[in-house]
Amino acid sequence: MIGDWLDIGALAEIPARGARTIAVAGGEEIAVFRTGDDRVFALVNRCPHKHGPLSQGIVHGHAVACPLHNWRISLETGHALGEDKGCTPTIPVRVDAGRVLIARMAALATAMAA
């Protein structure tokens, strides 16, 4: 842990155009995505439609397609794209010296919301 940030591992551990998940004790699982241009985003791991596991979806640019019904979710905002409506909570994330860090308070908030 680095102050207000939790170190969740090396950027290299997240596949390009893929995701890994972080379990939160008593809370919602977090999906951490790495795009083709090496940007990193974190969302609660559920689609706003039918709660599909977004971490199992396909990453296209800065969006992920839900594996259940193909809803496209913006990795930057968590909002459904196109005609679909809904939002998945985002978690602040950053990369420092090749390590991926998520905001500690936001991660804890998923436990309080569950």
PDB file of N, CA and C in Angstrom:
ATOM      1  N   MET A   1       0.851  -1.174   0.000  1.00  0.00           N
ATOM      2  CA  MET A   1       0.000   0.000   0.000  1.00  0.00           C
ATOM      3  C   MET A   1       0.894   1.235   0.000  1.00  0.00           C
ATOM      4  N   ILE A   2       0.530   2.220  -0.816  1.00  0.00           N
ATOM      5  CA  ILE A   2       1.250   3.478  -0.872  1.00  0.00           C
ATOM      6  C   ILE A   2       0.256   4.575  -0.486  1.00  0.00           C
ATOM      7  N   GLY A   3       0.201   4.924   0.810  1.00  0.00           N
ATOM      8  CA  GLY A   3      -0.723   5.962   1.270  1.00  0.00           C
ATOM      9  C   GLY A   3      -2.168   5.619   0.978  1.00  0.00           C
ATOM     10  N   ASP A   4      -2.794   6.449   0.159  1.00  0.00           N
ATOM     11  CA  ASP A   4      -4.197   6.264  -0.172  1.00  0.00           C
ATOM     12  C   ASP A   4      -4.408   5.301  -1.333  1.00  0.00           C
ATOM     13  N   TRP A   5      -3.344   4.661  -1.800  1.00  0.00           N
ATOM     14  CA  TRP A   5      -3.422   3.763  -2.955  1.00  0.00           C
ATOM     15  C   TRP A   5      -3.001   2.354  -2.568  1.00  0.00           C
ATOM     16  N   LEU A   6      -3.692   1.359  -3.123  1.00  0.00           N
ATOM     17  CA  LEU A   6      -3.360  -0.051  -2.910  1.00  0.00           C
ATOM     18  C   LEU A   6      -2.633  -0.579  -4.133  1.00  0.00           C
ATOM     19  N   ASP A   7      -1.468  -1.169  -3.922  1.00  0.00           N
ATOM     20  CA  ASP A   7      -0.696  -1.777  -5.005  1.00  0.00           C
ATOM     21  C   ASP A   7      -1.302  -3.149  -5.282  1.00  0.00           C
ATOM     22  N   ILE A   8      -1.810  -3.335  -6.500  1.00  0.00           N
ATOM     23  CA  ILE A   8      -2.464  -4.611  -6.827  1.00  0.00           C
ATOM     24  C   ILE A   8      -1.644  -5.473  -7.781  1.00  0.00           C
ATOM     25  N   GLY A   9      -0.439  -5.031  -8.117  1.00  0.00           N
ATOM     26  CA  GLY A   9       0.428  -5.855  -8.944  1.00  0.00           C
ATOM     27  C   GLY A   9       1.045  -5.090 -10.095  1.00  0.00           C
ATOM     28  N   ALA A  10       1.829  -5.814 -10.868  1.00  0.00           N
ATOM     29  CA  ALA A  10       2.534  -5.225 -12.008  1.00  0.00           C
ATOM     30  C   ALA A  10       1.599  -5.069 -13.207  1.00  0.00           C
ATOM     31  N   LEU A  11       1.810  -4.005 -13.962  1.00  0.00           N
ATOM     32  CA  LEU A  11       1.041  -3.786 -15.193  1.00  0.00           C
ATOM     33  C   LEU A  11       1.181  -4.999 -16.118  1.00  0.00           C
ATOM     34  N   ALA A  12       2.352  -5.587 -16.175  1.00  0.00           N
ATOM     35  CA  ALA A  12       2.609  -6.734 -17.050  1.00  0.00           C
ATOM     36  C   ALA A  12       1.745  -7.952 -16.704  1.00  0.00           C
ATOM     37  N   GLU A  13       1.182  -7.988 -15.490  1.00  0.00           N
ATOM     38  CA  GLU A  13       0.326  -9.106 -15.079  1.00  0.00           C
ATOM     39  C   GLU A  13      -1.081  -9.016 -15.658  1.00  0.00           C
ATOM     40  N   ILE A  14      -1.414  -7.866 -16.237  1.00  0.00           N
ATOM     41  CA  ILE A  14      -2.732  -7.689 -16.862  1.00  0.00           C
ATOM     42  C   ILE A  14      -2.523  -7.795 -18.368  1.00  0.00           C
ATOM     43  N   PRO A  15      -3.184  -8.733 -19.028  1.00  0.00           N
ATOM     44  CA  PRO A  15      -2.971  -8.874 -20.475  1.00  0.00           C
ATOM     45  C   PRO A  15      -3.474  -7.661 -21.245  1.00  0.00           C
ATOM     46  N   ALA A  16      -2.766  -7.297 -22.318  1.00  0.00           N
ATOM     47  CA  ALA A  16      -3.230  -6.209 -23.177  1.00  0.00           C
ATOM     48  C   ALA A  16      -4.598  -6.588 -23.713  1.00  0.00           C
ATOM     49  N   ARG A  17      -5.528  -5.626 -23.727  1.00  0.00           N
ATOM     50  CA  ARG A  17      -6.916  -5.822 -24.143  1.00  0.00           C
ATOM     51  C   ARG A  17      -7.615  -6.887 -23.274  1.00  0.00           C
ATOM     52  N   GLY A  18      -7.230  -6.927 -22.017  1.00  0.00           N
ATOM     53  CA  GLY A  18      -7.815  -7.905 -21.101  1.00  0.00           C
ATOM     54  C   GLY A  18      -8.003  -7.313 -19.718  1.00  0.00           C
ATOM     55  N   ALA A  19      -8.265  -8.190 -18.755  1.00  0.00           N
ATOM     56  CA  ALA A  19      -8.562  -7.739 -17.394  1.00  0.00           C
ATOM     57  C   ALA A  19      -8.090  -8.758 -16.376  1.00  0.00           C
ATOM     58  N   ARG A  20      -8.019  -8.306 -15.153  1.00  0.00           N
ATOM     59  CA  ARG A  20      -7.866  -9.202 -14.002  1.00  0.00           C
ATOM     60  C   ARG A  20      -8.808  -8.691 -12.937  1.00  0.00           C
ATOM     61  N   THR A  21      -9.152  -9.535 -12.012  1.00  0.00           N
ATOM     62  CA  THR A  21     -10.112  -9.136 -10.982  1.00  0.00           C
ATOM     63  C   THR A  21      -9.445  -9.058  -9.614  1.00  0.00           C
ATOM     64  N   ILE A  22     -10.033  -8.211  -8.782  1.00  0.00           N
ATOM     65  CA  ILE A  22      -9.586  -8.026  -7.409  1.00  0.00           C
ATOM     66  C   ILE A  22     -10.781  -8.319  -6.509  1.00  0.00           C
ATOM     67  N   ALA A  23     -10.632  -9.280  -5.624  1.00  0.00           N
ATOM     68  CA  ALA A  23     -11.693  -9.579  -4.660  1.00  0.00           C
ATOM     69  C   ALA A  23     -11.651  -8.528  -3.549  1.00  0.00           C
ATOM     70  N   VAL A  24     -12.804  -8.074  -3.124  1.00  0.00           N
ATOM     71  CA  VAL A  24     -12.910  -7.121  -2.018  1.00  0.00           C
ATOM     72  C   VAL A  24     -13.718  -7.816  -0.924  1.00  0.00           C
ATOM     73  N   ALA A  25     -13.077  -8.051   0.213  1.00  0.00           N
ATOM     74  CA  ALA A  25     -13.751  -8.746   1.311  1.00  0.00           C
ATOM     75  C   ALA A  25     -15.047  -8.036   1.669  1.00  0.00           C
ATOM     76  N   GLY A  26     -16.153  -8.752   1.575  1.00  0.00           N
ATOM     77  CA  GLY A  26     -17.452  -8.205   1.917  1.00  0.00           C
ATOM     78  C   GLY A  26     -17.996  -7.216   0.908  1.00  0.00           C
ATOM     79  N   GLY A  27     -17.358  -7.120  -0.253  1.00  0.00           N
ATOM     80  CA  GLY A  27     -17.794  -6.129  -1.229  1.00  0.00           C
ATOM     81  C   GLY A  27     -17.839  -6.661  -2.645  1.00  0.00           C
ATOM     82  N   GLU A  28     -17.972  -5.749  -3.579  1.00  0.00           N
ATOM     83  CA  GLU A  28     -18.070  -6.078  -4.993  1.00  0.00           C
ATOM     84  C   GLU A  28     -16.681  -6.301  -5.577  1.00  0.00           C
ATOM     85  N   GLU A  29     -16.560  -7.309  -6.412  1.00  0.00           N
ATOM     86  CA  GLU A  29     -15.313  -7.571  -7.110  1.00  0.00           C
ATOM     87  C   GLU A  29     -14.993  -6.405  -8.051  1.00  0.00           C
ATOM     88  N   ILE A  30     -13.719  -6.088  -8.179  1.00  0.00           N
ATOM     89  CA  ILE A  30     -13.269  -5.012  -9.056  1.00  0.00           C
ATOM     90  C   ILE A  30     -12.560  -5.623 -10.256  1.00  0.00           C
ATOM     91  N   ALA A  31     -12.862  -5.118 -11.453  1.00  0.00           N
ATOM     92  CA  ALA A  31     -12.179  -5.542 -12.676  1.00  0.00           C
ATOM     93  C   ALA A  31     -11.209  -4.434 -13.079  1.00  0.00           C
ATOM     94  N   VAL A  32      -9.966  -4.808 -13.316  1.00  0.00           N
ATOM     95  CA  VAL A  32      -8.944  -3.858 -13.752  1.00  0.00           C
ATOM     96  C   VAL A  32      -8.590  -4.212 -15.189  1.00  0.00           C
ATOM     97  N   PHE A  33      -8.774  -3.251 -16.085  1.00  0.00           N
ATOM     98  CA  PHE A  33      -8.601  -3.457 -17.525  1.00  0.00           C
ATOM     99  C   PHE A  33      -7.343  -2.771 -18.029  1.00  0.00           C
ATOM    100  N   ARG A  34      -6.709  -3.405 -19.008  1.00  0.00           N
ATOM    101  CA  ARG A  34      -5.568  -2.807 -19.710  1.00  0.00           C
ATOM    102  C   ARG A  34      -5.922  -2.755 -21.189  1.00  0.00           C
ATOM    103  N   THR A  35      -5.873  -1.566 -21.760  1.00  0.00           N
ATOM    104  CA  THR A  35      -6.232  -1.400 -23.163  1.00  0.00           C
ATOM    105  C   THR A  35      -5.017  -1.662 -24.063  1.00  0.00           C
ATOM    106  N   GLY A  36      -5.263  -1.686 -25.355  1.00  0.00           N
ATOM    107  CA  GLY A  36      -4.193  -1.911 -26.320  1.00  0.00           C
ATOM    108  C   GLY A  36      -3.134  -0.825 -26.295  1.00  0.00           C
ATOM    109  N   ASP A  37      -3.506   0.387 -25.859  1.00  0.00           N
ATOM    110  CA  ASP A  37      -2.542   1.484 -25.760  1.00  0.00           C
ATOM    111  C   ASP A  37      -1.987   1.633 -24.338  1.00  0.00           C
ATOM    112  N   ASP A  38      -2.095   0.552 -23.551  1.00  0.00           N
ATOM    113  CA  ASP A  38      -1.558   0.459 -22.188  1.00  0.00           C
ATOM    114  C   ASP A  38      -2.174   1.422 -21.186  1.00  0.00           C
ATOM    115  N   ARG A  39      -3.380   1.902 -21.428  1.00  0.00           N
ATOM    116  CA  ARG A  39      -4.107   2.655 -20.413  1.00  0.00           C
ATOM    117  C   ARG A  39      -4.758   1.638 -19.478  1.00  0.00           C
ATOM    118  N   VAL A  40      -4.959   2.016 -18.238  1.00  0.00           N
ATOM    119  CA  VAL A  40      -5.526   1.124 -17.231  1.00  0.00           C
ATOM    120  C   VAL A  40      -6.759   1.786 -16.635  1.00  0.00           C
ATOM    121  N   PHE A  41      -7.823   0.988 -16.496  1.00  0.00           N
ATOM    122  CA  PHE A  41      -9.089   1.454 -15.934  1.00  0.00           C
ATOM    123  C   PHE A  41      -9.583   0.403 -14.946  1.00  0.00           C
ATOM    124  N   ALA A  42     -10.382   0.831 -13.976  1.00  0.00           N
ATOM    125  CA  ALA A  42     -10.968  -0.106 -13.011  1.00  0.00           C
ATOM    126  C   ALA A  42     -12.451   0.210 -12.846  1.00  0.00           C
ATOM    127  N   LEU A  43     -13.250  -0.854 -12.850  1.00  0.00           N
ATOM    128  CA  LEU A  43     -14.704  -0.759 -12.684  1.00  0.00           C
ATOM    129  C   LEU A  43     -15.153  -1.844 -11.718  1.00  0.00           C
ATOM    130  N   VAL A  44     -16.297  -1.626 -11.090  1.00  0.00           N
ATOM    131  CA  VAL A  44     -16.938  -2.728 -10.384  1.00  0.00           C
ATOM    132  C   VAL A  44     -17.244  -3.775 -11.457  1.00  0.00           C
ATOM    133  N   ASN A  45     -17.002  -5.031 -11.159  1.00  0.00           N
ATOM    134  CA  ASN A  45     -17.070  -6.103 -12.153  1.00  0.00           C
ATOM    135  C   ASN A  45     -18.500  -6.588 -12.421  1.00  0.00           C
ATOM    136  N   ARG A  46     -19.369  -5.660 -12.820  1.00  0.00           N
ATOM    137  CA  ARG A  46     -20.726  -6.072 -13.177  1.00  0.00           C
ATOM    138  C   ARG A  46     -21.329  -5.074 -14.161  1.00  0.00           C
ATOM    139  N   CYS A  47     -21.976  -5.616 -15.158  1.00  0.00           N
ATOM    140  CA  CYS A  47     -22.669  -4.797 -16.142  1.00  0.00           C
ATOM    141  C   CYS A  47     -23.925  -4.212 -15.495  1.00  0.00           C
ATOM    142  N   PRO A  48     -24.302  -2.977 -15.834  1.00  0.00           N
ATOM    143  CA  PRO A  48     -25.507  -2.405 -15.238  1.00  0.00           C
ATOM    144  C   PRO A  48     -26.795  -3.045 -15.746  1.00  0.00           C
ATOM    145  N   HIS A  49     -26.726  -3.862 -16.783  1.00  0.00           N
ATOM    146  CA  HIS A  49     -27.912  -4.471 -17.374  1.00  0.00           C
ATOM    147  C   HIS A  49     -28.353  -5.710 -16.591  1.00  0.00           C
ATOM    148  N   LYS A  50     -27.603  -6.790 -16.717  1.00  0.00           N
ATOM    149  CA  LYS A  50     -27.950  -8.043 -16.034  1.00  0.00           C
ATOM    150  C   LYS A  50     -26.820  -8.525 -15.130  1.00  0.00           C
ATOM    151  N   HIS A  51     -25.929  -7.605 -14.769  1.00  0.00           N
ATOM    152  CA  HIS A  51     -24.814  -7.868 -13.849  1.00  0.00           C
ATOM    153  C   HIS A  51     -23.817  -8.892 -14.371  1.00  0.00           C
ATOM    154  N   GLY A  52     -23.641  -8.955 -15.699  1.00  0.00           N
ATOM    155  CA  GLY A  52     -22.633  -9.838 -16.286  1.00  0.00           C
ATOM    156  C   GLY A  52     -21.234  -9.436 -15.839  1.00  0.00           C
ATOM    157  N   PRO A  53     -20.313 -10.408 -15.787  1.00  0.00           N
ATOM    158  CA  PRO A  53     -18.940 -10.134 -15.354  1.00  0.00           C
ATOM    159  C   PRO A  53     -18.146  -9.415 -16.450  1.00  0.00           C
ATOM    160  N   LEU A  54     -17.976  -8.125 -16.320  1.00  0.00           N
ATOM    161  CA  LEU A  54     -17.307  -7.335 -17.351  1.00  0.00           C
ATOM    162  C   LEU A  54     -15.875  -7.804 -17.600  1.00  0.00           C
ATOM    163  N   SER A  55     -15.224  -8.348 -16.585  1.00  0.00           N
ATOM    164  CA  SER A  55     -13.843  -8.810 -16.738  1.00  0.00           C
ATOM    165  C   SER A  55     -13.729  -9.926 -17.781  1.00  0.00           C
ATOM    166  N   GLN A  56     -14.830 -10.587 -18.089  1.00  0.00           N
ATOM    167  CA  GLN A  56     -14.825 -11.657 -19.086  1.00  0.00           C
ATOM    168  C   GLN A  56     -15.201 -11.154 -20.477  1.00  0.00           C
ATOM    169  N   GLY A  57     -15.432  -9.845 -20.605  1.00  0.00           N
ATOM    170  CA  GLY A  57     -15.809  -9.252 -21.881  1.00  0.00           C
ATOM    171  C   GLY A  57     -14.601  -8.950 -22.753  1.00  0.00           C
ATOM    172  N   ILE A  58     -14.880  -8.514 -23.962  1.00  0.00           N
ATOM    173  CA  ILE A  58     -13.835  -8.168 -24.922  1.00  0.00           C
ATOM    174  C   ILE A  58     -13.610  -6.661 -24.875  1.00  0.00           C
ATOM    175  N   VAL A  59     -12.337  -6.269 -24.737  1.00  0.00           N
ATOM    176  CA  VAL A  59     -11.970  -4.856 -24.693  1.00  0.00           C
ATOM    177  C   VAL A  59     -11.729  -4.372 -26.121  1.00  0.00           C
ATOM    178  N   HIS A  60     -12.440  -3.303 -26.490  1.00  0.00           N
ATOM    179  CA  HIS A  60     -12.285  -2.646 -27.791  1.00  0.00           C
ATOM    180  C   HIS A  60     -11.993  -1.182 -27.512  1.00  0.00           C
ATOM    181  N   GLY A  61     -10.802  -0.714 -27.839  1.00  0.00           N
ATOM    182  CA  GLY A  61     -10.461   0.679 -27.540  1.00  0.00           C
ATOM    183  C   GLY A  61     -10.550   0.928 -26.054  1.00  0.00           C
ATOM    184  N   HIS A  62     -11.391   1.883 -25.652  1.00  0.00           N
ATOM    185  CA  HIS A  62     -11.578   2.196 -24.235  1.00  0.00           C
ATOM    186  C   HIS A  62     -12.974   1.809 -23.767  1.00  0.00           C
ATOM    187  N   ALA A  63     -13.457   0.677 -24.281  1.00  0.00           N
ATOM    188  CA  ALA A  63     -14.757   0.132 -23.880  1.00  0.00           C
ATOM    189  C   ALA A  63     -14.629  -1.375 -23.738  1.00  0.00           C
ATOM    190  N   VAL A  64     -15.559  -1.954 -23.002  1.00  0.00           N
ATOM    191  CA  VAL A  64     -15.621  -3.414 -22.866  1.00  0.00           C
ATOM    192  C   VAL A  64     -17.035  -3.861 -23.227  1.00  0.00           C
ATOM    193  N   ALA A  65     -17.130  -4.987 -23.922  1.00  0.00           N
ATOM    194  CA  ALA A  65     -18.431  -5.560 -24.282  1.00  0.00           C
ATOM    195  C   ALA A  65     -18.795  -6.602 -23.232  1.00  0.00           C
ATOM    196  N   CYS A  66     -19.961  -6.445 -22.620  1.00  0.00           N
ATOM    197  CA  CYS A  66     -20.420  -7.410 -21.630  1.00  0.00           C
ATOM    198  C   CYS A  66     -20.581  -8.772 -22.294  1.00  0.00           C
ATOM    199  N   PRO A  67     -20.110  -9.842 -21.654  1.00  0.00           N
ATOM    200  CA  PRO A  67     -20.210 -11.168 -22.261  1.00  0.00           C
ATOM    201  C   PRO A  67     -21.631 -11.740 -22.301  1.00  0.00           C
ATOM    202  N   LEU A  68     -22.566 -11.154 -21.551  1.00  0.00           N
ATOM    203  CA  LEU A  68     -23.929 -11.697 -21.541  1.00  0.00           C
ATOM    204  C   LEU A  68     -24.780 -11.193 -22.703  1.00  0.00           C
ATOM    205  N   HIS A  69     -24.837  -9.886 -22.887  1.00  0.00           N
ATOM    206  CA  HIS A  69     -25.740  -9.324 -23.897  1.00  0.00           C
ATOM    207  C   HIS A  69     -25.077  -8.279 -24.783  1.00  0.00           C
ATOM    208  N   ASN A  70     -23.746  -8.226 -24.752  1.00  0.00           N
ATOM    209  CA  ASN A  70     -22.964  -7.371 -25.635  1.00  0.00           C
ATOM    210  C   ASN A  70     -23.151  -5.877 -25.402  1.00  0.00           C
ATOM    211  N   TRP A  71     -23.633  -5.477 -24.232  1.00  0.00           N
ATOM    212  CA  TRP A  71     -23.675  -4.049 -23.922  1.00  0.00           C
ATOM    213  C   TRP A  71     -22.245  -3.548 -23.903  1.00  0.00           C
ATOM    214  N   ARG A  72     -21.993  -2.385 -24.472  1.00  0.00           N
ATOM    215  CA  ARG A  72     -20.675  -1.772 -24.455  1.00  0.00           C
ATOM    216  C   ARG A  72     -20.626  -0.760 -23.319  1.00  0.00           C
ATOM    217  N   ILE A  73     -19.601  -0.897 -22.473  1.00  0.00           N
ATOM    218  CA  ILE A  73     -19.444  -0.040 -21.305  1.00  0.00           C
ATOM    219  C   ILE A  73     -18.143   0.750 -21.448  1.00  0.00           C
ATOM    220  N   SER A  74     -18.210   2.072 -21.284  1.00  0.00           N
ATOM    221  CA  SER A  74     -17.022   2.910 -21.331  1.00  0.00           C
ATOM    222  C   SER A  74     -16.135   2.588 -20.136  1.00  0.00           C
ATOM    223  N   LEU A  75     -14.863   2.323 -20.404  1.00  0.00           N
ATOM    224  CA  LEU A  75     -13.933   2.073 -19.307  1.00  0.00           C
ATOM    225  C   LEU A  75     -13.593   3.367 -18.566  1.00  0.00           C
ATOM    226  N   GLU A  76     -13.724   4.491 -19.241  1.00  0.00           N
ATOM    227  CA  GLU A  76     -13.405   5.777 -18.619  1.00  0.00           C
ATOM    228  C   GLU A  76     -14.488   6.261 -17.674  1.00  0.00           C
ATOM    229  N   THR A  77     -15.748   6.088 -18.057  1.00  0.00           N
ATOM    230  CA  THR A  77     -16.854   6.644 -17.264  1.00  0.00           C
ATOM    231  C   THR A  77     -17.741   5.595 -16.608  1.00  0.00           C
ATOM    232  N   GLY A  78     -17.713   4.359 -17.101  1.00  0.00           N
ATOM    233  CA  GLY A  78     -18.599   3.313 -16.601  1.00  0.00           C
ATOM    234  C   GLY A  78     -19.982   3.349 -17.230  1.00  0.00           C
ATOM    235  N   HIS A  79     -20.262   4.341 -18.090  1.00  0.00           N
ATOM    236  CA  HIS A  79     -21.580   4.483 -18.712  1.00  0.00           C
ATOM    237  C   HIS A  79     -21.750   3.516 -19.888  1.00  0.00           C
ATOM    238  N   ALA A  80     -22.973   3.010 -20.043  1.00  0.00           N
ATOM    239  CA  ALA A  80     -23.313   2.209 -21.215  1.00  0.00           C
ATOM    240  C   ALA A  80     -23.257   3.113 -22.436  1.00  0.00           C
ATOM    241  N   LEU A  81     -22.806   2.566 -23.546  1.00  0.00           N
ATOM    242  CA  LEU A  81     -22.667   3.334 -24.778  1.00  0.00           C
ATOM    243  C   LEU A  81     -23.793   3.013 -25.749  1.00  0.00           C
ATOM    244  N   GLY A  82     -24.019   3.894 -26.694  1.00  0.00           N
ATOM    245  CA  GLY A  82     -25.061   3.679 -27.691  1.00  0.00           C
ATOM    246  C   GLY A  82     -26.435   3.885 -27.094  1.00  0.00           C
ATOM    247  N   GLU A  83     -27.375   3.048 -27.500  1.00  0.00           N
ATOM    248  CA  GLU A  83     -28.776   3.163 -27.060  1.00  0.00           C
ATOM    249  C   GLU A  83     -29.005   2.664 -25.634  1.00  0.00           C
ATOM    250  N   ASP A  84     -28.070   1.883 -25.109  1.00  0.00           N
ATOM    251  CA  ASP A  84     -28.249   1.297 -23.786  1.00  0.00           C
ATOM    252  C   ASP A  84     -28.073   2.344 -22.700  1.00  0.00           C
ATOM    253  N   LYS A  85     -28.735   2.144 -21.576  1.00  0.00           N
ATOM    254  CA  LYS A  85     -28.692   3.083 -20.458  1.00  0.00           C
ATOM    255  C   LYS A  85     -28.262   2.362 -19.188  1.00  0.00           C
ATOM    256  N   GLY A  86     -27.431   3.001 -18.419  1.00  0.00           N
ATOM    257  CA  GLY A  86     -26.971   2.442 -17.154  1.00  0.00           C
ATOM    258  C   GLY A  86     -25.517   2.809 -16.920  1.00  0.00           C
ATOM    259  N   CYS A  87     -25.051   2.566 -15.709  1.00  0.00           N
ATOM    260  CA  CYS A  87     -23.685   2.938 -15.357  1.00  0.00           C
ATOM    261  C   CYS A  87     -23.124   1.949 -14.339  1.00  0.00           C
ATOM    262  N   THR A  88     -21.872   1.622 -14.517  1.00  0.00           N
ATOM    263  CA  THR A  88     -21.129   0.794 -13.584  1.00  0.00           C
ATOM    264  C   THR A  88     -20.157   1.706 -12.829  1.00  0.00           C
ATOM    265  N   PRO A  89     -20.061   1.582 -11.508  1.00  0.00           N
ATOM    266  CA  PRO A  89     -19.139   2.446 -10.767  1.00  0.00           C
ATOM    267  C   PRO A  89     -17.684   2.258 -11.212  1.00  0.00           C
ATOM    268  N   THR A  90     -16.965   3.375 -11.313  1.00  0.00           N
ATOM    269  CA  THR A  90     -15.548   3.341 -11.647  1.00  0.00           C
ATOM    270  C   THR A  90     -14.725   3.449 -10.369  1.00  0.00           C
ATOM    271  N   ILE A  91     -13.498   2.966 -10.440  1.00  0.00           N
ATOM    272  CA  ILE A  91     -12.568   3.025  -9.322  1.00  0.00           C
ATOM    273  C   ILE A  91     -11.328   3.775  -9.821  1.00  0.00           C
ATOM    274  N   PRO A  92     -10.887   4.830  -9.127  1.00  0.00           N
ATOM    275  CA  PRO A  92      -9.666   5.517  -9.561  1.00  0.00           C
ATOM    276  C   PRO A  92      -8.478   4.546  -9.583  1.00  0.00           C
ATOM    277  N   VAL A  93      -7.705   4.626 -10.642  1.00  0.00           N
ATOM    278  CA  VAL A  93      -6.556   3.731 -10.827  1.00  0.00           C
ATOM    279  C   VAL A  93      -5.423   4.530 -11.461  1.00  0.00           C
ATOM    280  N   ARG A  94      -4.204   4.134 -11.153  1.00  0.00           N
ATOM    281  CA  ARG A  94      -3.043   4.767 -11.780  1.00  0.00           C
ATOM    282  C   ARG A  94      -1.916   3.740 -11.875  1.00  0.00           C
ATOM    283  N   VAL A  95      -0.939   4.056 -12.706  1.00  0.00           N
ATOM    284  CA  VAL A  95       0.253   3.221 -12.842  1.00  0.00           C
ATOM    285  C   VAL A  95       1.447   4.051 -12.392  1.00  0.00           C
ATOM    286  N   ASP A  96       2.261   3.471 -11.521  1.00  0.00           N
ATOM    287  CA  ASP A  96       3.442   4.148 -11.004  1.00  0.00           C
ATOM    288  C   ASP A  96       4.603   3.160 -11.051  1.00  0.00           C
ATOM    289  N   ALA A  97       5.617   3.483 -11.845  1.00  0.00           N
ATOM    290  CA  ALA A  97       6.810   2.641 -11.979  1.00  0.00           C
ATOM    291  C   ALA A  97       6.437   1.198 -12.338  1.00  0.00           C
ATOM    292  N   GLY A  98       5.463   1.041 -13.226  1.00  0.00           N
ATOM    293  CA  GLY A  98       5.064  -0.288 -13.685  1.00  0.00           C
ATOM    294  C   GLY A  98       4.155  -1.039 -12.740  1.00  0.00           C
ATOM    295  N   ARG A  99       3.738  -0.412 -11.646  1.00  0.00           N
ATOM    296  CA  ARG A  99       2.835  -1.029 -10.672  1.00  0.00           C
ATOM    297  C   ARG A  99       1.457  -0.400 -10.813  1.00  0.00           C
ATOM    298  N   VAL A 100       0.413  -1.208 -10.714  1.00  0.00           N
ATOM    299  CA  VAL A 100      -0.963  -0.728 -10.817  1.00  0.00           C
ATOM    300  C   VAL A 100      -1.484  -0.466  -9.409  1.00  0.00           C
ATOM    301  N   LEU A 101      -2.026   0.732  -9.219  1.00  0.00           N
ATOM    302  CA  LEU A 101      -2.540   1.145  -7.914  1.00  0.00           C
ATOM    303  C   LEU A 101      -4.000   1.542  -8.045  1.00  0.00           C
ATOM    304  N   ILE A 102      -4.828   1.113  -7.097  1.00  0.00           N
ATOM    305  CA  ILE A 102      -6.224   1.555  -7.064  1.00  0.00           C
ATOM    306  C   ILE A 102      -6.446   2.358  -5.786  1.00  0.00           C
ATOM    307  N   ALA A 103      -7.413   3.278  -5.867  1.00  0.00           N
ATOM    308  CA  ALA A 103      -7.715   4.137  -4.716  1.00  0.00           C
ATOM    309  C   ALA A 103      -8.286   3.300  -3.576  1.00  0.00           C
ATOM    310  N   ARG A 104      -7.629   3.368  -2.443  1.00  0.00           N
ATOM    311  CA  ARG A 104      -8.028   2.565  -1.278  1.00  0.00           C
ATOM    312  C   ARG A 104      -9.453   2.869  -0.836  1.00  0.00           C
ATOM    313  N   MET A 105      -9.809   4.140  -0.729  1.00  0.00           N
ATOM    314  CA  MET A 105     -11.151   4.494  -0.254  1.00  0.00           C
ATOM    315  C   MET A 105     -12.236   4.030  -1.221  1.00  0.00           C
ATOM    316  N   ALA A 106     -11.986   4.112  -2.511  1.00  0.00           N
ATOM    317  CA  ALA A 106     -12.974   3.658  -3.491  1.00  0.00           C
ATOM    318  C   ALA A 106     -13.147   2.142  -3.415  1.00  0.00           C
ATOM    319  N   ALA A 107     -12.056   1.418  -3.201  1.00  0.00           N
ATOM    320  CA  ALA A 107     -12.146  -0.039  -3.057  1.00  0.00           C
ATOM    321  C   ALA A 107     -12.940  -0.393  -1.806  1.00  0.00           C
ATOM    322  N   LEU A 108     -12.679   0.319  -0.714  1.00  0.00           N
ATOM    323  CA  LEU A 108     -13.421   0.062   0.523  1.00  0.00           C
ATOM    324  C   LEU A 108     -14.899   0.414   0.369  1.00  0.00           C
ATOM    325  N   ALA A 109     -15.189   1.437  -0.431  1.00  0.00           N
ATOM    326  CA  ALA A 109     -16.574   1.849  -0.634  1.00  0.00           C
ATOM    327  C   ALA A 109     -17.391   0.739  -1.308  1.00  0.00           C
ATOM    328  N   THR A 110     -16.743  -0.114  -2.118  1.00  0.00           N
ATOM    329  CA  THR A 110     -17.493  -1.213  -2.728  1.00  0.00           C
ATOM    330  C   THR A 110     -17.965  -2.202  -1.659  1.00  0.00           C
ATOM    331  N   ALA A 111     -17.184  -2.331  -0.581  1.00  0.00           N
ATOM    332  CA  ALA A 111     -17.593  -3.214   0.511  1.00  0.00           C
ATOM    333  C   ALA A 111     -18.756  -2.614   1.294  1.00  0.00           C
ATOM    334  N   MET A 112     -18.737  -1.298   1.465  1.00  0.00           N
ATOM    335  CA  MET A 112     -19.813  -0.630   2.209  1.00  0.00           C
ATOM    336  C   MET A 112     -21.116  -0.609   1.412  1.00  0.00           C
ATOM    337  N   ALA A 113     -20.998  -0.599   0.077  1.00  0.00           N
ATOM    338  CA  ALA A 113     -22.192  -0.542  -0.777  1.00  0.00           C
ATOM    339  C   ALA A 113     -22.832  -1.907  -0.965  1.00  0.00           C
ATOM    340  N   ALA A 114     -22.068  -2.956  -0.733  1.00  0.00           N
ATOM    341  CA  ALA A 114     -22.583  -4.318  -0.970  1.00  0.00           C
ATOM    342  C   ALA A 114     -23.552  -4.753   0.097  1.00  0.00           C
TER     343      ALA A 114
END
